[in-house]
PDB file of N, CA and C in Angstrom:
ATOM      1  N   MET A   1      43.183 -45.728 -18.415  1.00  0.00           N
ATOM      2  CA  MET A   1      43.638 -45.387 -17.089  1.00  0.00           C
ATOM      3  C   MET A   1      43.951 -46.669 -16.335  1.00  0.00           C
ATOM      4  N   ILE A   2      45.056 -46.689 -15.647  1.00  0.00           N
ATOM      5  CA  ILE A   2      45.445 -47.831 -14.824  1.00  0.00           C
ATOM      6  C   ILE A   2      45.556 -47.356 -13.383  1.00  0.00           C
ATOM      7  N   VAL A   3      44.901 -48.106 -12.490  1.00  0.00           N
ATOM      8  CA  VAL A   3      44.948 -47.791 -11.063  1.00  0.00           C
ATOM      9  C   VAL A   3      45.547 -48.986 -10.350  1.00  0.00           C
ATOM     10  N   GLN A   4      46.596 -48.776  -9.620  1.00  0.00           N
ATOM     11  CA  GLN A   4      47.226 -49.852  -8.857  1.00  0.00           C
ATOM     12  C   GLN A   4      46.319 -50.234  -7.695  1.00  0.00           C
ATOM     13  N   PHE A   5      45.990 -51.516  -7.553  1.00  0.00           N
ATOM     14  CA  PHE A   5      45.113 -51.973  -6.479  1.00  0.00           C
ATOM     15  C   PHE A   5      45.933 -52.338  -5.250  1.00  0.00           C
ATOM     16  N   ASP A   6      45.547 -51.777  -4.126  1.00  0.00           N
ATOM     17  CA  ASP A   6      46.184 -52.077  -2.841  1.00  0.00           C
ATOM     18  C   ASP A   6      45.078 -52.407  -1.849  1.00  0.00           C
ATOM     19  N   PRO A   7      44.911 -53.689  -1.478  1.00  0.00           N
ATOM     20  CA  PRO A   7      43.812 -54.074  -0.584  1.00  0.00           C
ATOM     21  C   PRO A   7      43.879 -53.418   0.788  1.00  0.00           C
ATOM     22  N   ASP A   8      45.023 -52.889   1.179  1.00  0.00           N
ATOM     23  CA  ASP A   8      45.142 -52.224   2.474  1.00  0.00           C
ATOM     24  C   ASP A   8      44.759 -50.745   2.409  1.00  0.00           C
ATOM     25  N   PHE A   9      44.559 -50.213   1.204  1.00  0.00           N
ATOM     26  CA  PHE A   9      44.293 -48.791   1.031  1.00  0.00           C
ATOM     27  C   PHE A   9      42.862 -48.412   1.377  1.00  0.00           C
ATOM     28  N   GLY A  10      41.919 -49.317   1.188  1.00  0.00           N
ATOM     29  CA  GLY A  10      40.515 -49.001   1.467  1.00  0.00           C
ATOM     30  C   GLY A  10      39.695 -48.890   0.199  1.00  0.00           C
ATOM     31  N   LEU A  11      38.629 -48.140   0.274  1.00  0.00           N
ATOM     32  CA  LEU A  11      37.683 -47.996  -0.823  1.00  0.00           C
ATOM     33  C   LEU A  11      38.350 -47.371  -2.048  1.00  0.00           C
ATOM     34  N   VAL A  12      38.103 -47.992  -3.209  1.00  0.00           N
ATOM     35  CA  VAL A  12      38.654 -47.489  -4.463  1.00  0.00           C
ATOM     36  C   VAL A  12      37.611 -46.577  -5.105  1.00  0.00           C
ATOM     37  N   ILE A  13      37.945 -45.297  -5.277  1.00  0.00           N
ATOM     38  CA  ILE A  13      37.053 -44.321  -5.896  1.00  0.00           C
ATOM     39  C   ILE A  13      37.612 -43.980  -7.278  1.00  0.00           C
ATOM     40  N   LEU A  14      36.743 -44.066  -8.281  1.00  0.00           N
ATOM     41  CA  LEU A  14      37.132 -43.761  -9.650  1.00  0.00           C
ATOM     42  C   LEU A  14      36.271 -42.640 -10.199  1.00  0.00           C
ATOM     43  N   GLN A  15      36.820 -41.883 -11.117  1.00  0.00           N
ATOM     44  CA  GLN A  15      36.048 -40.892 -11.827  1.00  0.00           C
ATOM     45  C   GLN A  15      35.603 -41.524 -13.136  1.00  0.00           C
ATOM     46  N   ALA A  16      34.323 -41.368 -13.491  1.00  0.00           N
ATOM     47  CA  ALA A  16      33.787 -41.978 -14.707  1.00  0.00           C
ATOM     48  C   ALA A  16      32.854 -41.000 -15.406  1.00  0.00           C
ATOM     49  N   ARG A  17      32.701 -41.167 -16.705  1.00  0.00           N
ATOM     50  CA  ARG A  17      31.745 -40.376 -17.480  1.00  0.00           C
ATOM     51  C   ARG A  17      30.524 -41.237 -17.717  1.00  0.00           C
ATOM     52  N   ALA A  18      29.350 -40.667 -17.497  1.00  0.00           N
ATOM     53  CA  ALA A  18      28.091 -41.362 -17.748  1.00  0.00           C
ATOM     54  C   ALA A  18      27.305 -40.565 -18.782  1.00  0.00           C
ATOM     55  N   HIS A  19      26.682 -41.261 -19.710  1.00  0.00           N
ATOM     56  CA  HIS A  19      25.930 -40.626 -20.789  1.00  0.00           C
ATOM     57  C   HIS A  19      24.472 -41.048 -20.682  1.00  0.00           C
ATOM     58  N   GLY A  20      23.553 -40.110 -20.848  1.00  0.00           N
ATOM     59  CA  GLY A  20      22.134 -40.412 -20.819  1.00  0.00           C
ATOM     60  C   GLY A  20      21.375 -39.408 -21.653  1.00  0.00           C
ATOM     61  N   PRO A  21      20.053 -39.556 -21.743  1.00  0.00           N
ATOM     62  CA  PRO A  21      19.234 -38.640 -22.531  1.00  0.00           C
ATOM     63  C   PRO A  21      19.351 -37.178 -22.091  1.00  0.00           C
ATOM     64  N   ALA A  22      19.646 -36.933 -20.828  1.00  0.00           N
ATOM     65  CA  ALA A  22      19.741 -35.563 -20.321  1.00  0.00           C
ATOM     66  C   ALA A  22      21.150 -34.978 -20.455  1.00  0.00           C
ATOM     67  N   GLY A  23      22.097 -35.760 -20.930  1.00  0.00           N
ATOM     68  CA  GLY A  23      23.445 -35.240 -21.118  1.00  0.00           C
ATOM     69  C   GLY A  23      24.519 -36.149 -20.573  1.00  0.00           C
ATOM     70  N   ASP A  24      25.731 -35.613 -20.538  1.00  0.00           N
ATOM     71  CA  ASP A  24      26.908 -36.339 -20.058  1.00  0.00           C
ATOM     72  C   ASP A  24      27.346 -35.757 -18.724  1.00  0.00           C
ATOM     73  N   PHE A  25      27.733 -36.631 -17.818  1.00  0.00           N
ATOM     74  CA  PHE A  25      28.124 -36.190 -16.485  1.00  0.00           C
ATOM     75  C   PHE A  25      29.368 -36.944 -16.034  1.00  0.00           C
ATOM     76  N   THR A  26      30.176 -36.277 -15.223  1.00  0.00           N
ATOM     77  CA  THR A  26      31.309 -36.924 -14.580  1.00  0.00           C
ATOM     78  C   THR A  26      30.861 -37.346 -13.187  1.00  0.00           C
ATOM     79  N   LEU A  27      31.087 -38.599 -12.856  1.00  0.00           N
ATOM     80  CA  LEU A  27      30.663 -39.159 -11.571  1.00  0.00           C
ATOM     81  C   LEU A  27      31.863 -39.693 -10.814  1.00  0.00           C
ATOM     82  N   ARG A  28      31.744 -39.713  -9.504  1.00  0.00           N
ATOM     83  CA  ARG A  28      32.707 -40.431  -8.658  1.00  0.00           C
ATOM     84  C   ARG A  28      32.035 -41.725  -8.242  1.00  0.00           C
ATOM     85  N   LEU A  29      32.646 -42.837  -8.596  1.00  0.00           N
ATOM     86  CA  LEU A  29      32.071 -44.145  -8.322  1.00  0.00           C
ATOM     87  C   LEU A  29      32.986 -44.957  -7.426  1.00  0.00           C
ATOM     88  N   ALA A  30      32.388 -45.738  -6.539  1.00  0.00           N
ATOM     89  CA  ALA A  30      33.140 -46.678  -5.711  1.00  0.00           C
ATOM     90  C   ALA A  30      33.243 -47.988  -6.485  1.00  0.00           C
ATOM     91  N   LEU A  31      34.439 -48.527  -6.578  1.00  0.00           N
ATOM     92  CA  LEU A  31      34.665 -49.802  -7.254  1.00  0.00           C
ATOM     93  C   LEU A  31      34.595 -50.917  -6.219  1.00  0.00           C
ATOM     94  N   ASP A  32      33.617 -51.784  -6.371  1.00  0.00           N
ATOM     95  CA  ASP A  32      33.465 -52.931  -5.482  1.00  0.00           C
ATOM     96  C   ASP A  32      34.081 -54.132  -6.173  1.00  0.00           C
ATOM     97  N   THR A  33      35.276 -54.513  -5.750  1.00  0.00           N
ATOM     98  CA  THR A  33      36.010 -55.587  -6.420  1.00  0.00           C
ATOM     99  C   THR A  33      35.373 -56.962  -6.222  1.00  0.00           C
ATOM    100  N   GLY A  34      34.414 -57.076  -5.307  1.00  0.00           N
ATOM    101  CA  GLY A  34      33.745 -58.349  -5.085  1.00  0.00           C
ATOM    102  C   GLY A  34      32.345 -58.401  -5.666  1.00  0.00           C
ATOM    103  N   ALA A  35      31.928 -57.329  -6.347  1.00  0.00           N
ATOM    104  CA  ALA A  35      30.558 -57.264  -6.878  1.00  0.00           C
ATOM    105  C   ALA A  35      30.415 -58.100  -8.144  1.00  0.00           C
ATOM    106  N   THR A  36      29.210 -58.629  -8.344  1.00  0.00           N
ATOM    107  CA  THR A  36      28.917 -59.366  -9.571  1.00  0.00           C
ATOM    108  C   THR A  36      28.151 -58.504 -10.574  1.00  0.00           C
ATOM    109  N   ILE A  37      27.574 -57.391 -10.106  1.00  0.00           N
ATOM    110  CA  ILE A  37      26.905 -56.430 -10.983  1.00  0.00           C
ATOM    111  C   ILE A  37      27.208 -55.023 -10.490  1.00  0.00           C
ATOM    112  N   SER A  38      26.894 -54.050 -11.316  1.00  0.00           N
ATOM    113  CA  SER A  38      27.051 -52.648 -10.925  1.00  0.00           C
ATOM    114  C   SER A  38      25.689 -51.987 -10.863  1.00  0.00           C
ATOM    115  N   THR A  39      25.538 -51.039  -9.974  1.00  0.00           N
ATOM    116  CA  THR A  39      24.279 -50.304  -9.848  1.00  0.00           C
ATOM    117  C   THR A  39      24.568 -48.814  -9.728  1.00  0.00           C
ATOM    118  N   LEU A  40      23.580 -48.023 -10.076  1.00  0.00           N
ATOM    119  CA  LEU A  40      23.612 -46.583  -9.853  1.00  0.00           C
ATOM    120  C   LEU A  40      22.454 -46.235  -8.949  1.00  0.00           C
ATOM    121  N   ASN A  41      22.624 -45.229  -8.116  1.00  0.00           N
ATOM    122  CA  ASN A  41      21.488 -44.861  -7.293  1.00  0.00           C
ATOM    123  C   ASN A  41      20.471 -44.106  -8.141  1.00  0.00           C
ATOM    124  N   TRP A  42      19.232 -44.094  -7.683  1.00  0.00           N
ATOM    125  CA  TRP A  42      18.117 -43.543  -8.461  1.00  0.00           C
ATOM    126  C   TRP A  42      18.344 -42.081  -8.821  1.00  0.00           C
ATOM    127  N   GLU A  43      18.925 -41.306  -7.896  1.00  0.00           N
ATOM    128  CA  GLU A  43      19.134 -39.883  -8.159  1.00  0.00           C
ATOM    129  C   GLU A  43      20.065 -39.677  -9.355  1.00  0.00           C
ATOM    130  N   VAL A  44      21.086 -40.518  -9.481  1.00  0.00           N
ATOM    131  CA  VAL A  44      22.012 -40.420 -10.612  1.00  0.00           C
ATOM    132  C   VAL A  44      21.289 -40.804 -11.904  1.00  0.00           C
ATOM    133  N   ALA A  45      20.504 -41.874 -11.870  1.00  0.00           N
ATOM    134  CA  ALA A  45      19.751 -42.294 -13.058  1.00  0.00           C
ATOM    135  C   ALA A  45      18.809 -41.184 -13.522  1.00  0.00           C
ATOM    136  N   ILE A  46      18.135 -40.535 -12.574  1.00  0.00           N
ATOM    137  CA  ILE A  46      17.222 -39.432 -12.909  1.00  0.00           C
ATOM    138  C   ILE A  46      18.003 -38.253 -13.483  1.00  0.00           C
ATOM    139  N   LEU A  47      19.149 -37.926 -12.890  1.00  0.00           N
ATOM    140  CA  LEU A  47      19.994 -36.846 -13.392  1.00  0.00           C
ATOM    141  C   LEU A  47      20.415 -37.104 -14.842  1.00  0.00           C
ATOM    142  N   LEU A  48      20.666 -38.368 -15.173  1.00  0.00           N
ATOM    143  CA  LEU A  48      21.051 -38.739 -16.534  1.00  0.00           C
ATOM    144  C   LEU A  48      19.875 -38.717 -17.505  1.00  0.00           C
ATOM    145  N   GLY A  49      18.650 -38.611 -16.966  1.00  0.00           N
ATOM    146  CA  GLY A  49      17.474 -38.543 -17.829  1.00  0.00           C
ATOM    147  C   GLY A  49      16.665 -39.823 -17.900  1.00  0.00           C
ATOM    148  N   TYR A  50      16.929 -40.764 -17.007  1.00  0.00           N
ATOM    149  CA  TYR A  50      16.181 -42.020 -16.979  1.00  0.00           C
ATOM    150  C   TYR A  50      15.132 -41.974 -15.874  1.00  0.00           C
ATOM    151  N   ASP A  51      14.075 -42.789 -16.013  1.00  0.00           N
ATOM    152  CA  ASP A  51      13.013 -42.853 -15.014  1.00  0.00           C
ATOM    153  C   ASP A  51      12.958 -44.256 -14.420  1.00  0.00           C
ATOM    154  N   PRO A  52      13.702 -44.522 -13.326  1.00  0.00           N
ATOM    155  CA  PRO A  52      13.710 -45.870 -12.735  1.00  0.00           C
ATOM    156  C   PRO A  52      12.326 -46.328 -12.279  1.00  0.00           C
ATOM    157  N   ALA A  53      11.466 -45.394 -11.888  1.00  0.00           N
ATOM    158  CA  ALA A  53      10.122 -45.764 -11.427  1.00  0.00           C
ATOM    159  C   ALA A  53       9.277 -46.318 -12.566  1.00  0.00           C
ATOM    160  N   GLY A  54       9.644 -46.012 -13.809  1.00  0.00           N
ATOM    161  CA  GLY A  54       8.883 -46.486 -14.958  1.00  0.00           C
ATOM    162  C   GLY A  54       9.256 -47.878 -15.427  1.00  0.00           C
ATOM    163  N   VAL A  55      10.247 -48.496 -14.807  1.00  0.00           N
ATOM    164  CA  VAL A  55      10.671 -49.848 -15.187  1.00  0.00           C
ATOM    165  C   VAL A  55       9.837 -50.857 -14.392  1.00  0.00           C
ATOM    166  N   PRO A  56       9.059 -51.710 -15.079  1.00  0.00           N
ATOM    167  CA  PRO A  56       8.148 -52.608 -14.356  1.00  0.00           C
ATOM    168  C   PRO A  56       8.829 -53.768 -13.632  1.00  0.00           C
ATOM    169  N   ASP A  57       9.969 -54.244 -14.136  1.00  0.00           N
ATOM    170  CA  ASP A  57      10.638 -55.396 -13.525  1.00  0.00           C
ATOM    171  C   ASP A  57      11.542 -54.950 -12.389  1.00  0.00           C
ATOM    172  N   ARG A  58      11.530 -55.697 -11.278  1.00  0.00           N
ATOM    173  CA  ARG A  58      12.352 -55.391 -10.104  1.00  0.00           C
ATOM    174  C   ARG A  58      13.059 -56.657  -9.647  1.00  0.00           C
ATOM    175  N   VAL A  59      14.187 -56.471  -9.000  1.00  0.00           N
ATOM    176  CA  VAL A  59      14.920 -57.592  -8.428  1.00  0.00           C
ATOM    177  C   VAL A  59      15.309 -57.207  -7.004  1.00  0.00           C
ATOM    178  N   ARG A  60      15.185 -58.154  -6.072  1.00  0.00           N
ATOM    179  CA  ARG A  60      15.606 -57.898  -4.698  1.00  0.00           C
ATOM    180  C   ARG A  60      17.115 -57.990  -4.638  1.00  0.00           C
ATOM    181  N   MET A  61      17.748 -57.037  -3.966  1.00  0.00           N
ATOM    182  CA  MET A  61      19.210 -56.987  -3.930  1.00  0.00           C
ATOM    183  C   MET A  61      19.754 -57.687  -2.695  1.00  0.00           C
ATOM    184  N   THR A  62      20.861 -58.380  -2.874  1.00  0.00           N
ATOM    185  CA  THR A  62      21.575 -58.996  -1.772  1.00  0.00           C
ATOM    186  C   THR A  62      22.775 -58.121  -1.439  1.00  0.00           C
ATOM    187  N   THR A  63      22.944 -57.827  -0.162  1.00  0.00           N
ATOM    188  CA  THR A  63      24.060 -56.994   0.268  1.00  0.00           C
ATOM    189  C   THR A  63      24.949 -57.804   1.201  1.00  0.00           C
ATOM    190  N   ALA A  64      26.045 -57.211   1.635  1.00  0.00           N
ATOM    191  CA  ALA A  64      26.950 -57.902   2.555  1.00  0.00           C
ATOM    192  C   ALA A  64      26.237 -58.292   3.841  1.00  0.00           C
ATOM    193  N   GLY A  65      25.213 -57.544   4.213  1.00  0.00           N
ATOM    194  CA  GLY A  65      24.453 -57.833   5.431  1.00  0.00           C
ATOM    195  C   GLY A  65      23.307 -58.803   5.205  1.00  0.00           C
ATOM    196  N   GLY A  66      23.162 -59.334   4.004  1.00  0.00           N
ATOM    197  CA  GLY A  66      22.068 -60.242   3.684  1.00  0.00           C
ATOM    198  C   GLY A  66      21.170 -59.618   2.632  1.00  0.00           C
ATOM    199  N   TYR A  67      19.900 -60.035   2.634  1.00  0.00           N
ATOM    200  CA  TYR A  67      18.960 -59.490   1.668  1.00  0.00           C
ATOM    201  C   TYR A  67      18.520 -58.103   2.093  1.00  0.00           C
ATOM    202  N   SER A  68      18.470 -57.219   1.124  1.00  0.00           N
ATOM    203  CA  SER A  68      17.938 -55.888   1.358  1.00  0.00           C
ATOM    204  C   SER A  68      16.488 -55.905   0.898  1.00  0.00           C
ATOM    205  N   TRP A  69      15.625 -55.198   1.572  1.00  0.00           N
ATOM    206  CA  TRP A  69      14.231 -55.126   1.155  1.00  0.00           C
ATOM    207  C   TRP A  69      14.025 -54.011   0.142  1.00  0.00           C
ATOM    208  N   THR A  70      15.134 -53.458  -0.352  1.00  0.00           N
ATOM    209  CA  THR A  70      15.074 -52.482  -1.431  1.00  0.00           C
ATOM    210  C   THR A  70      15.083 -53.248  -2.743  1.00  0.00           C
ATOM    211  N   PHE A  71      14.157 -52.912  -3.602  1.00  0.00           N
ATOM    212  CA  PHE A  71      14.068 -53.567  -4.898  1.00  0.00           C
ATOM    213  C   PHE A  71      14.599 -52.615  -5.957  1.00  0.00           C
ATOM    214  N   ALA A  72      15.402 -53.140  -6.867  1.00  0.00           N
ATOM    215  CA  ALA A  72      16.011 -52.323  -7.905  1.00  0.00           C
ATOM    216  C   ALA A  72      15.384 -52.620  -9.251  1.00  0.00           C
ATOM    217  N   PRO A  73      15.187 -51.589 -10.079  1.00  0.00           N
ATOM    218  CA  PRO A  73      14.669 -51.815 -11.434  1.00  0.00           C
ATOM    219  C   PRO A  73      15.667 -52.594 -12.275  1.00  0.00           C
ATOM    220  N   VAL A  74      15.149 -53.426 -13.143  1.00  0.00           N
ATOM    221  CA  VAL A  74      15.986 -54.196 -14.064  1.00  0.00           C
ATOM    222  C   VAL A  74      15.622 -53.759 -15.472  1.00  0.00           C
ATOM    223  N   PRO A  75      16.567 -53.157 -16.193  1.00  0.00           N
ATOM    224  CA  PRO A  75      16.247 -52.695 -17.555  1.00  0.00           C
ATOM    225  C   PRO A  75      16.041 -53.846 -18.518  1.00  0.00           C
TER     226      PRO A  75
END
């Protein structure tokens, strides 16, 4: 799939397939062209059959507004 990028258009939303122990799902994802990593929210990870709370390692996330006090699991 090829999507033409237009910086004046706004948020880029893509449809993607995600696979996990609980099955396959179609998701709508926002493409952040300035991001260095990708993340999924916990509800999506749980829906896919993963347990983010069971991952012992965490990393503090940096957002456009600075550091977030939300810690994300690192697989």
